């Protein structure tokens, strides 16, 4: 199961990296009376945004790998706490991110 989780985490990271490069805006267009201005996002902010989406995709891939690996691992019937730990860490990171956004 661990191999499946790692594999899906890498897949999730790479797929979301490609999608983030395609869809994250690198410029901001502001319209005003009869014209517009174009401001480019600083490269550091652009890269951080892309990496942030890629890490979220890796977490989603880990969840998918856990669900697929769970069906393949019928030999070990012991209780695993992957989902509980995943959601615990996810909510802690989200809480810290929200707090750091407002501070």
PDB file of N, CA and C in Angstrom:
ATOM      1  N   UNK A   1       0.828  -1.184   0.000  1.00  0.00           N
ATOM      2  CA  UNK A   1       0.000   0.000   0.000  1.00  0.00           C
ATOM      3  C   UNK A   1       0.875   1.252   0.000  1.00  0.00           C
ATOM      4  N   UNK A   2       1.995   1.201   0.680  1.00  0.00           N
ATOM      5  CA  UNK A   2       2.867   2.369   0.740  1.00  0.00           C
ATOM      6  C   UNK A   2       3.380   2.743  -0.649  1.00  0.00           C
ATOM      7  N   UNK A   3       3.667   1.740  -1.458  1.00  0.00           N
ATOM      8  CA  UNK A   3       4.128   1.989  -2.822  1.00  0.00           C
ATOM      9  C   UNK A   3       3.035   2.671  -3.644  1.00  0.00           C
ATOM     10  N   UNK A   4       1.813   2.259  -3.456  1.00  0.00           N
ATOM     11  CA  UNK A   4       0.686   2.863  -4.165  1.00  0.00           C
ATOM     12  C   UNK A   4       0.492   4.320  -3.748  1.00  0.00           C
ATOM     13  N   UNK A   5       0.626   4.603  -2.477  1.00  0.00           N
ATOM     14  CA  UNK A   5       0.477   5.984  -1.990  1.00  0.00           C
ATOM     15  C   UNK A   5       1.561   6.880  -2.578  1.00  0.00           C
ATOM     16  N   UNK A   6       2.801   6.390  -2.582  1.00  0.00           N
ATOM     17  CA  UNK A   6       3.895   7.186  -3.151  1.00  0.00           C
ATOM     18  C   UNK A   6       3.683   7.443  -4.636  1.00  0.00           C
ATOM     19  N   UNK A   7       3.284   6.402  -5.353  1.00  0.00           N
ATOM     20  CA  UNK A   7       3.079   6.529  -6.792  1.00  0.00           C
ATOM     21  C   UNK A   7       1.983   7.548  -7.107  1.00  0.00           C
ATOM     22  N   UNK A   8       0.860   7.458  -6.413  1.00  0.00           N
ATOM     23  CA  UNK A   8      -0.242   8.375  -6.667  1.00  0.00           C
ATOM     24  C   UNK A   8       0.076   9.786  -6.201  1.00  0.00           C
ATOM     25  N   UNK A   9       0.892   9.931  -5.163  1.00  0.00           N
ATOM     26  CA  UNK A   9       1.302  11.270  -4.728  1.00  0.00           C
ATOM     27  C   UNK A   9       2.148  11.946  -5.807  1.00  0.00           C
ATOM     28  N   UNK A  10       3.040  11.184  -6.428  1.00  0.00           N
ATOM     29  CA  UNK A  10       3.861  11.744  -7.508  1.00  0.00           C
ATOM     30  C   UNK A  10       2.993  12.095  -8.707  1.00  0.00           C
ATOM     31  N   UNK A  11       2.060  11.205  -9.051  1.00  0.00           N
ATOM     32  CA  UNK A  11       1.147  11.489 -10.155  1.00  0.00           C
ATOM     33  C   UNK A  11       0.323  12.750  -9.870  1.00  0.00           C
ATOM     34  N   UNK A  12      -0.214  12.852  -8.672  1.00  0.00           N
ATOM     35  CA  UNK A  12      -1.005  14.024  -8.314  1.00  0.00           C
ATOM     36  C   UNK A  12      -0.203  15.300  -8.373  1.00  0.00           C
ATOM     37  N   UNK A  13       1.047  15.238  -7.893  1.00  0.00           N
ATOM     38  CA  UNK A  13       1.915  16.417  -7.927  1.00  0.00           C
ATOM     39  C   UNK A  13       2.184  16.851  -9.361  1.00  0.00           C
ATOM     40  N   UNK A  14       2.546  15.900 -10.230  1.00  0.00           N
ATOM     41  CA  UNK A  14       2.895  16.252 -11.601  1.00  0.00           C
ATOM     42  C   UNK A  14       1.682  16.726 -12.404  1.00  0.00           C
ATOM     43  N   UNK A  15       0.552  16.075 -12.219  1.00  0.00           N
ATOM     44  CA  UNK A  15      -0.648  16.491 -12.951  1.00  0.00           C
ATOM     45  C   UNK A  15      -1.096  17.879 -12.510  1.00  0.00           C
ATOM     46  N   UNK A  16      -1.117  18.117 -11.205  1.00  0.00           N
ATOM     47  CA  UNK A  16      -1.533  19.441 -10.738  1.00  0.00           C
ATOM     48  C   UNK A  16      -0.483  20.503 -11.063  1.00  0.00           C
ATOM     49  N   UNK A  17       0.782  20.138 -11.148  1.00  0.00           N
ATOM     50  CA  UNK A  17       1.817  21.079 -11.586  1.00  0.00           C
ATOM     51  C   UNK A  17       1.552  21.517 -13.022  1.00  0.00           C
ATOM     52  N   UNK A  18       1.250  20.560 -13.885  1.00  0.00           N
ATOM     53  CA  UNK A  18       0.967  20.890 -15.285  1.00  0.00           C
ATOM     54  C   UNK A  18      -0.289  21.757 -15.398  1.00  0.00           C
ATOM     55  N   UNK A  19      -1.328  21.402 -14.649  1.00  0.00           N
ATOM     56  CA  UNK A  19      -2.562  22.191 -14.703  1.00  0.00           C
ATOM     57  C   UNK A  19      -2.358  23.587 -14.123  1.00  0.00           C
ATOM     58  N   UNK A  20      -1.557  23.702 -13.081  1.00  0.00           N
ATOM     59  CA  UNK A  20      -1.295  25.018 -12.489  1.00  0.00           C
ATOM     60  C   UNK A  20      -0.516  25.903 -13.455  1.00  0.00           C
ATOM     61  N   UNK A  21       0.443  25.317 -14.162  1.00  0.00           N
ATOM     62  CA  UNK A  21       1.205  26.110 -15.138  1.00  0.00           C
ATOM     63  C   UNK A  21       0.273  26.606 -16.242  1.00  0.00           C
ATOM     64  N   UNK A  22      -0.706  25.776 -16.612  1.00  0.00           N
ATOM     65  CA  UNK A  22      -1.637  26.183 -17.666  1.00  0.00           C
ATOM     66  C   UNK A  22      -2.624  27.253 -17.214  1.00  0.00           C
ATOM     67  N   UNK A  23      -3.135  27.150 -15.989  1.00  0.00           N
ATOM     68  CA  UNK A  23      -4.281  27.960 -15.607  1.00  0.00           C
ATOM     69  C   UNK A  23      -4.005  29.086 -14.610  1.00  0.00           C
ATOM     70  N   UNK A  24      -2.858  29.125 -13.969  1.00  0.00           N
ATOM     71  CA  UNK A  24      -2.569  30.213 -13.026  1.00  0.00           C
ATOM     72  C   UNK A  24      -2.142  31.441 -13.822  1.00  0.00           C
ATOM     73  N   UNK A  25      -2.795  32.552 -13.541  1.00  0.00           N
ATOM     74  CA  UNK A  25      -2.497  33.784 -14.270  1.00  0.00           C
ATOM     75  C   UNK A  25      -1.152  34.365 -13.834  1.00  0.00           C
ATOM     76  N   UNK A  26      -0.378  34.786 -14.820  1.00  0.00           N
ATOM     77  CA  UNK A  26       0.907  35.420 -14.538  1.00  0.00           C
ATOM     78  C   UNK A  26       0.845  36.935 -14.725  1.00  0.00           C
ATOM     79  N   UNK A  27      -0.338  37.416 -15.103  1.00  0.00           N
ATOM     80  CA  UNK A  27      -0.503  38.862 -15.241  1.00  0.00           C
ATOM     81  C   UNK A  27      -1.894  39.262 -14.775  1.00  0.00           C
ATOM     82  N   UNK A  28      -2.010  40.512 -14.345  1.00  0.00           N
ATOM     83  CA  UNK A  28      -3.276  41.074 -13.884  1.00  0.00           C
ATOM     84  C   UNK A  28      -3.628  42.224 -14.818  1.00  0.00           C
ATOM     85  N   UNK A  29      -4.801  42.126 -15.427  1.00  0.00           N
ATOM     86  CA  UNK A  29      -5.249  43.165 -16.357  1.00  0.00           C
ATOM     87  C   UNK A  29      -6.319  43.996 -15.660  1.00  0.00           C
ATOM     88  N   UNK A  30      -6.081  45.317 -15.597  1.00  0.00           N
ATOM     89  CA  UNK A  30      -7.014  46.238 -14.961  1.00  0.00           C
ATOM     90  C   UNK A  30      -7.629  47.125 -16.041  1.00  0.00           C
ATOM     91  N   UNK A  31      -8.943  47.085 -16.137  1.00  0.00           N
ATOM     92  CA  UNK A  31      -9.653  47.898 -17.120  1.00  0.00           C
ATOM     93  C   UNK A  31     -10.035  49.247 -16.497  1.00  0.00           C
ATOM     94  N   UNK A  32      -9.955  50.283 -17.291  1.00  0.00           N
ATOM     95  CA  UNK A  32     -10.436  51.601 -16.877  1.00  0.00           C
ATOM     96  C   UNK A  32     -11.047  52.267 -18.104  1.00  0.00           C
ATOM     97  N   UNK A  33     -11.400  53.512 -18.029  1.00  0.00           N
ATOM     98  CA  UNK A  33     -12.132  54.218 -19.090  1.00  0.00           C
ATOM     99  C   UNK A  33     -11.391  54.146 -20.428  1.00  0.00           C
ATOM    100  N   UNK A  34     -11.854  53.292 -21.317  1.00  0.00           N
ATOM    101  CA  UNK A  34     -11.303  53.241 -22.661  1.00  0.00           C
ATOM    102  C   UNK A  34      -9.950  52.561 -22.784  1.00  0.00           C
ATOM    103  N   UNK A  35      -9.463  51.918 -21.784  1.00  0.00           N
ATOM    104  CA  UNK A  35      -8.163  51.267 -21.883  1.00  0.00           C
ATOM    105  C   UNK A  35      -7.949  50.233 -20.804  1.00  0.00           C
ATOM    106  N   UNK A  36      -6.731  49.785 -20.711  1.00  0.00           N
ATOM    107  CA  UNK A  36      -6.389  48.815 -19.680  1.00  0.00           C
ATOM    108  C   UNK A  36      -4.894  48.869 -19.389  1.00  0.00           C
ATOM    109  N   UNK A  37      -4.543  48.385 -18.241  1.00  0.00           N
ATOM    110  CA  UNK A  37      -3.135  48.262 -17.876  1.00  0.00           C
ATOM    111  C   UNK A  37      -2.846  46.806 -17.560  1.00  0.00           C
ATOM    112  N   UNK A  38      -1.643  46.395 -17.831  1.00  0.00           N
ATOM    113  CA  UNK A  38      -1.218  45.027 -17.566  1.00  0.00           C
ATOM    114  C   UNK A  38      -0.080  45.057 -16.562  1.00  0.00           C
ATOM    115  N   UNK A  39      -0.264  44.338 -15.457  1.00  0.00           N
ATOM    116  CA  UNK A  39       0.791  44.206 -14.455  1.00  0.00           C
ATOM    117  C   UNK A  39       1.144  42.733 -14.342  1.00  0.00           C
ATOM    118  N   UNK A  40       2.417  42.451 -14.392  1.00  0.00           N
ATOM    119  CA  UNK A  40       2.862  41.063 -14.283  1.00  0.00           C
ATOM    120  C   UNK A  40       3.101  40.699 -12.828  1.00  0.00           C
ATOM    121  N   UNK A  41       2.712  39.490 -12.469  1.00  0.00           N
ATOM    122  CA  UNK A  41       2.892  38.987 -11.112  1.00  0.00           C
ATOM    123  C   UNK A  41       4.383  38.708 -10.913  1.00  0.00           C
ATOM    124  N   UNK A  42       4.939  39.071  -9.761  1.00  0.00           N
ATOM    125  CA  UNK A  42       6.347  38.753  -9.508  1.00  0.00           C
ATOM    126  C   UNK A  42       6.591  37.240  -9.600  1.00  0.00           C
ATOM    127  N   UNK A  43       7.750  36.887 -10.113  1.00  0.00           N
ATOM    128  CA  UNK A  43       8.061  35.479 -10.388  1.00  0.00           C
ATOM    129  C   UNK A  43       8.004  34.629  -9.119  1.00  0.00           C
ATOM    130  N   UNK A  44       8.419  35.201  -7.990  1.00  0.00           N
ATOM    131  CA  UNK A  44       8.370  34.459  -6.729  1.00  0.00           C
ATOM    132  C   UNK A  44       6.934  34.103  -6.362  1.00  0.00           C
ATOM    133  N   UNK A  45       6.024  35.055  -6.472  1.00  0.00           N
ATOM    134  CA  UNK A  45       4.619  34.789  -6.159  1.00  0.00           C
ATOM    135  C   UNK A  45       4.015  33.778  -7.119  1.00  0.00           C
ATOM    136  N   UNK A  46       4.384  33.856  -8.387  1.00  0.00           N
ATOM    137  CA  UNK A  46       3.876  32.920  -9.387  1.00  0.00           C
ATOM    138  C   UNK A  46       4.343  31.497  -9.078  1.00  0.00           C
ATOM    139  N   UNK A  47       5.617  31.335  -8.764  1.00  0.00           N
ATOM    140  CA  UNK A  47       6.160  30.002  -8.475  1.00  0.00           C
ATOM    141  C   UNK A  47       5.571  29.444  -7.186  1.00  0.00           C
ATOM    142  N   UNK A  48       5.425  30.273  -6.167  1.00  0.00           N
ATOM    143  CA  UNK A  48       4.834  29.811  -4.907  1.00  0.00           C
ATOM    144  C   UNK A  48       3.393  29.362  -5.117  1.00  0.00           C
ATOM    145  N   UNK A  49       2.646  30.075  -5.931  1.00  0.00           N
ATOM    146  CA  UNK A  49       1.271  29.689  -6.227  1.00  0.00           C
ATOM    147  C   UNK A  49       1.224  28.350  -6.952  1.00  0.00           C
ATOM    148  N   UNK A  50       2.095  28.156  -7.915  1.00  0.00           N
ATOM    149  CA  UNK A  50       2.130  26.893  -8.651  1.00  0.00           C
ATOM    150  C   UNK A  50       2.516  25.741  -7.731  1.00  0.00           C
ATOM    151  N   UNK A  51       3.507  25.933  -6.887  1.00  0.00           N
ATOM    152  CA  UNK A  51       3.926  24.877  -5.964  1.00  0.00           C
ATOM    153  C   UNK A  51       2.826  24.583  -4.953  1.00  0.00           C
ATOM    154  N   UNK A  52       2.092  25.604  -4.522  1.00  0.00           N
ATOM    155  CA  UNK A  52       1.008  25.392  -3.569  1.00  0.00           C
ATOM    156  C   UNK A  52      -0.070  24.487  -4.164  1.00  0.00           C
ATOM    157  N   UNK A  53      -0.457  24.766  -5.402  1.00  0.00           N
ATOM    158  CA  UNK A  53      -1.443  23.907  -6.057  1.00  0.00           C
ATOM    159  C   UNK A  53      -0.898  22.502  -6.297  1.00  0.00           C
ATOM    160  N   UNK A  54       0.386  22.388  -6.584  1.00  0.00           N
ATOM    161  CA  UNK A  54       0.982  21.075  -6.812  1.00  0.00           C
ATOM    162  C   UNK A  54       0.994  20.243  -5.539  1.00  0.00           C
ATOM    163  N   UNK A  55       1.269  20.863  -4.413  1.00  0.00           N
ATOM    164  CA  UNK A  55       1.260  20.141  -3.138  1.00  0.00           C
ATOM    165  C   UNK A  55      -0.160  19.694  -2.790  1.00  0.00           C
ATOM    166  N   UNK A  56      -1.143  20.535  -3.056  1.00  0.00           N
ATOM    167  CA  UNK A  56      -2.529  20.123  -2.839  1.00  0.00           C
ATOM    168  C   UNK A  56      -2.889  18.943  -3.734  1.00  0.00           C
ATOM    169  N   UNK A  57      -2.405  18.934  -4.961  1.00  0.00           N
ATOM    170  CA  UNK A  57      -2.621  17.798  -5.852  1.00  0.00           C
ATOM    171  C   UNK A  57      -1.936  16.543  -5.356  1.00  0.00           C
ATOM    172  N   UNK A  58      -0.754  16.698  -4.745  1.00  0.00           N
ATOM    173  CA  UNK A  58      -0.062  15.542  -4.181  1.00  0.00           C
ATOM    174  C   UNK A  58      -0.851  14.960  -3.012  1.00  0.00           C
ATOM    175  N   UNK A  59      -1.447  15.816  -2.190  1.00  0.00           N
ATOM    176  CA  UNK A  59      -2.292  15.314  -1.097  1.00  0.00           C
ATOM    177  C   UNK A  59      -3.507  14.569  -1.642  1.00  0.00           C
ATOM    178  N   UNK A  60      -4.111  15.111  -2.691  1.00  0.00           N
ATOM    179  CA  UNK A  60      -5.247  14.418  -3.306  1.00  0.00           C
ATOM    180  C   UNK A  60      -4.800  13.083  -3.891  1.00  0.00           C
ATOM    181  N   UNK A  61      -3.632  13.064  -4.515  1.00  0.00           N
ATOM    182  CA  UNK A  61      -3.078  11.813  -5.038  1.00  0.00           C
ATOM    183  C   UNK A  61      -2.780  10.804  -3.943  1.00  0.00           C
ATOM    184  N   UNK A  62      -2.313  11.283  -2.794  1.00  0.00           N
ATOM    185  CA  UNK A  62      -2.070  10.374  -1.666  1.00  0.00           C
ATOM    186  C   UNK A  62      -3.371   9.746  -1.196  1.00  0.00           C
ATOM    187  N   UNK A  63      -4.433  10.528  -1.175  1.00  0.00           N
ATOM    188  CA  UNK A  63      -5.734  10.000  -0.761  1.00  0.00           C
ATOM    189  C   UNK A  63      -6.221   8.944  -1.757  1.00  0.00           C
ATOM    190  N   UNK A  64      -6.077   9.225  -3.043  1.00  0.00           N
ATOM    191  CA  UNK A  64      -6.483   8.254  -4.065  1.00  0.00           C
ATOM    192  C   UNK A  64      -5.635   6.995  -3.964  1.00  0.00           C
ATOM    193  N   UNK A  65      -4.335   7.144  -3.783  1.00  0.00           N
ATOM    194  CA  UNK A  65      -3.457   5.984  -3.626  1.00  0.00           C
ATOM    195  C   UNK A  65      -3.789   5.171  -2.397  1.00  0.00           C
ATOM    196  N   UNK A  66      -4.168   5.840  -1.342  1.00  0.00           N
ATOM    197  CA  UNK A  66      -4.567   5.122  -0.128  1.00  0.00           C
ATOM    198  C   UNK A  66      -5.825   4.311  -0.371  1.00  0.00           C
ATOM    199  N   UNK A  67      -6.796   4.921  -1.082  1.00  0.00           N
ATOM    200  CA  UNK A  67      -8.052   4.205  -1.359  1.00  0.00           C
ATOM    201  C   UNK A  67      -7.808   3.011  -2.283  1.00  0.00           C
ATOM    202  N   UNK A  68      -6.970   3.169  -3.317  1.00  0.00           N
ATOM    203  CA  UNK A  68      -6.678   2.048  -4.213  1.00  0.00           C
ATOM    204  C   UNK A  68      -5.797   1.006  -3.537  1.00  0.00           C
ATOM    205  N   UNK A  69      -4.842   1.450  -2.758  1.00  0.00           N
ATOM    206  CA  UNK A  69      -3.958   0.513  -2.064  1.00  0.00           C
ATOM    207  C   UNK A  69      -4.667  -0.265  -0.983  1.00  0.00           C
ATOM    208  N   UNK A  70      -5.706   0.316  -0.427  1.00  0.00           N
ATOM    209  CA  UNK A  70      -6.478  -0.353   0.618  1.00  0.00           C
ATOM    210  C   UNK A  70      -7.153  -1.611   0.067  1.00  0.00           C
ATOM    211  N   UNK A  71      -7.636  -1.552  -1.173  1.00  0.00           N
ATOM    212  CA  UNK A  71      -8.268  -2.714  -1.788  1.00  0.00           C
ATOM    213  C   UNK A  71      -7.276  -3.792  -2.161  1.00  0.00           C
ATOM    214  N   UNK A  72      -6.026  -3.431  -2.444  1.00  0.00           N
ATOM    215  CA  UNK A  72      -5.007  -4.390  -2.834  1.00  0.00           C
ATOM    216  C   UNK A  72      -4.364  -5.075  -1.638  1.00  0.00           C
ATOM    217  N   UNK A  73      -4.439  -4.468  -0.487  1.00  0.00           N
ATOM    218  CA  UNK A  73      -3.751  -4.984   0.700  1.00  0.00           C
ATOM    219  C   UNK A  73      -4.721  -5.800   1.552  1.00  0.00           C
ATOM    220  N   UNK A  74      -5.101  -6.967   1.063  1.00  0.00           N
ATOM    221  CA  UNK A  74      -6.036  -7.823   1.799  1.00  0.00           C
ATOM    222  C   UNK A  74      -5.320  -8.738   2.784  1.00  0.00           C
ATOM    223  N   UNK A  75      -4.000  -8.843   2.691  1.00  0.00           N
ATOM    224  CA  UNK A  75      -3.247  -9.735   3.574  1.00  0.00           C
ATOM    225  C   UNK A  75      -3.215  -9.188   4.992  1.00  0.00           C
ATOM    226  N   UNK A  76      -2.972  -7.895   5.138  1.00  0.00           N
ATOM    227  CA  UNK A  76      -2.874  -7.267   6.453  1.00  0.00           C
ATOM    228  C   UNK A  76      -4.239  -6.685   6.818  1.00  0.00           C
ATOM    229  N   UNK A  77      -4.901  -7.277   7.789  1.00  0.00           N
ATOM    230  CA  UNK A  77      -6.241  -6.839   8.179  1.00  0.00           C
ATOM    231  C   UNK A  77      -6.233  -5.881   9.366  1.00  0.00           C
ATOM    232  N   UNK A  78      -5.077  -5.396   9.791  1.00  0.00           N
ATOM    233  CA  UNK A  78      -5.030  -4.504  10.944  1.00  0.00           C
ATOM    234  C   UNK A  78      -5.572  -3.122  10.565  1.00  0.00           C
ATOM    235  N   UNK A  79      -6.074  -2.405  11.554  1.00  0.00           N
ATOM    236  CA  UNK A  79      -6.666  -1.084  11.351  1.00  0.00           C
ATOM    237  C   UNK A  79      -5.567  -0.074  11.071  1.00  0.00           C
ATOM    238  N   UNK A  80      -5.773   0.696  10.009  1.00  0.00           N
ATOM    239  CA  UNK A  80      -4.829   1.772   9.694  1.00  0.00           C
ATOM    240  C   UNK A  80      -5.508   3.112   9.968  1.00  0.00           C
ATOM    241  N   UNK A  81      -4.710   4.102  10.242  1.00  0.00           N
ATOM    242  CA  UNK A  81      -5.216   5.424  10.578  1.00  0.00           C
ATOM    243  C   UNK A  81      -4.734   6.468   9.575  1.00  0.00           C
ATOM    244  N   UNK A  82      -4.564   6.068   8.320  1.00  0.00           N
ATOM    245  CA  UNK A  82      -4.074   6.996   7.309  1.00  0.00           C
ATOM    246  C   UNK A  82      -5.047   8.148   7.093  1.00  0.00           C
ATOM    247  N   UNK A  83      -6.313   7.840   6.982  1.00  0.00           N
ATOM    248  CA  UNK A  83      -7.300   8.889   6.711  1.00  0.00           C
ATOM    249  C   UNK A  83      -7.385   9.872   7.871  1.00  0.00           C
ATOM    250  N   UNK A  84      -7.386   9.360   9.092  1.00  0.00           N
ATOM    251  CA  UNK A  84      -7.482  10.233  10.256  1.00  0.00           C
ATOM    252  C   UNK A  84      -6.271  11.148  10.355  1.00  0.00           C
ATOM    253  N   UNK A  85      -5.084  10.596  10.118  1.00  0.00           N
ATOM    254  CA  UNK A  85      -3.860  11.403  10.175  1.00  0.00           C
ATOM    255  C   UNK A  85      -3.846  12.407   9.020  1.00  0.00           C
ATOM    256  N   UNK A  86      -4.255  11.959   7.829  1.00  0.00           N
ATOM    257  CA  UNK A  86      -4.284  12.849   6.672  1.00  0.00           C
ATOM    258  C   UNK A  86      -5.195  14.049   6.929  1.00  0.00           C
ATOM    259  N   UNK A  87      -6.415  13.790   7.381  1.00  0.00           N
ATOM    260  CA  UNK A  87      -7.339  14.888   7.617  1.00  0.00           C
ATOM    261  C   UNK A  87      -6.907  15.746   8.804  1.00  0.00           C
ATOM    262  N   UNK A  88      -6.290  15.151   9.807  1.00  0.00           N
ATOM    263  CA  UNK A  88      -5.788  15.934  10.926  1.00  0.00           C
ATOM    264  C   UNK A  88      -4.706  16.909  10.483  1.00  0.00           C
ATOM    265  N   UNK A  89      -3.732  16.410   9.725  1.00  0.00           N
ATOM    266  CA  UNK A  89      -2.652  17.269   9.235  1.00  0.00           C
ATOM    267  C   UNK A  89      -3.207  18.298   8.259  1.00  0.00           C
ATOM    268  N   UNK A  90      -4.146  17.885   7.409  1.00  0.00           N
ATOM    269  CA  UNK A  90      -4.739  18.805   6.447  1.00  0.00           C
ATOM    270  C   UNK A  90      -5.422  19.976   7.148  1.00  0.00           C
ATOM    271  N   UNK A  91      -6.233  19.684   8.162  1.00  0.00           N
ATOM    272  CA  UNK A  91      -6.947  20.755   8.849  1.00  0.00           C
ATOM    273  C   UNK A  91      -6.007  21.630   9.675  1.00  0.00           C
ATOM    274  N   UNK A  92      -4.965  21.059  10.233  1.00  0.00           N
ATOM    275  CA  UNK A  92      -3.984  21.860  10.975  1.00  0.00           C
ATOM    276  C   UNK A  92      -3.269  22.818  10.025  1.00  0.00           C
ATOM    277  N   UNK A  93      -2.859  22.321   8.855  1.00  0.00           N
ATOM    278  CA  UNK A  93      -2.169  23.167   7.882  1.00  0.00           C
ATOM    279  C   UNK A  93      -3.104  24.257   7.359  1.00  0.00           C
ATOM    280  N   UNK A  94      -4.366  23.906   7.107  1.00  0.00           N
ATOM    281  CA  UNK A  94      -5.327  24.909   6.657  1.00  0.00           C
ATOM    282  C   UNK A  94      -5.556  25.975   7.732  1.00  0.00           C
ATOM    283  N   UNK A  95      -5.647  25.568   8.979  1.00  0.00           N
ATOM    284  CA  UNK A  95      -5.837  26.509  10.080  1.00  0.00           C
ATOM    285  C   UNK A  95      -4.642  27.458  10.185  1.00  0.00           C
ATOM    286  N   UNK A  96      -3.433  26.910  10.100  1.00  0.00           N
ATOM    287  CA  UNK A  96      -2.232  27.749  10.179  1.00  0.00           C
ATOM    288  C   UNK A  96      -2.183  28.694   8.976  1.00  0.00           C
ATOM    289  N   UNK A  97      -2.567  28.208   7.786  1.00  0.00           N
ATOM    290  CA  UNK A  97      -2.579  29.072   6.606  1.00  0.00           C
ATOM    291  C   UNK A  97      -3.569  30.203   6.727  1.00  0.00           C
ATOM    292  N   UNK A  98      -4.752  29.915   7.272  1.00  0.00           N
ATOM    293  CA  UNK A  98      -5.755  30.970   7.439  1.00  0.00           C
ATOM    294  C   UNK A  98      -5.300  31.984   8.479  1.00  0.00           C
ATOM    295  N   UNK A  99      -4.725  31.509   9.572  1.00  0.00           N
ATOM    296  CA  UNK A  99      -4.230  32.410  10.613  1.00  0.00           C
ATOM    297  C   UNK A  99      -3.090  33.279  10.048  1.00  0.00           C
ATOM    298  N   UNK A 100      -2.175  32.695   9.284  1.00  0.00           N
ATOM    299  CA  UNK A 100      -1.059  33.479   8.748  1.00  0.00           C
ATOM    300  C   UNK A 100      -1.534  34.469   7.683  1.00  0.00           C
ATOM    301  N   UNK A 101      -2.648  34.187   7.028  1.00  0.00           N
ATOM    302  CA  UNK A 101      -3.183  35.102   6.032  1.00  0.00           C
ATOM    303  C   UNK A 101      -3.699  36.373   6.684  1.00  0.00           C
ATOM    304  N   UNK A 102      -4.298  36.261   7.850  1.00  0.00           N
ATOM    305  CA  UNK A 102      -4.881  37.423   8.516  1.00  0.00           C
ATOM    306  C   UNK A 102      -3.925  38.140   9.459  1.00  0.00           C
ATOM    307  N   UNK A 103      -2.788  37.564   9.748  1.00  0.00           N
ATOM    308  CA  UNK A 103      -1.838  38.206  10.670  1.00  0.00           C
ATOM    309  C   UNK A 103      -0.830  39.015   9.923  1.00  0.00           C
TER     310      UNK A 103
END
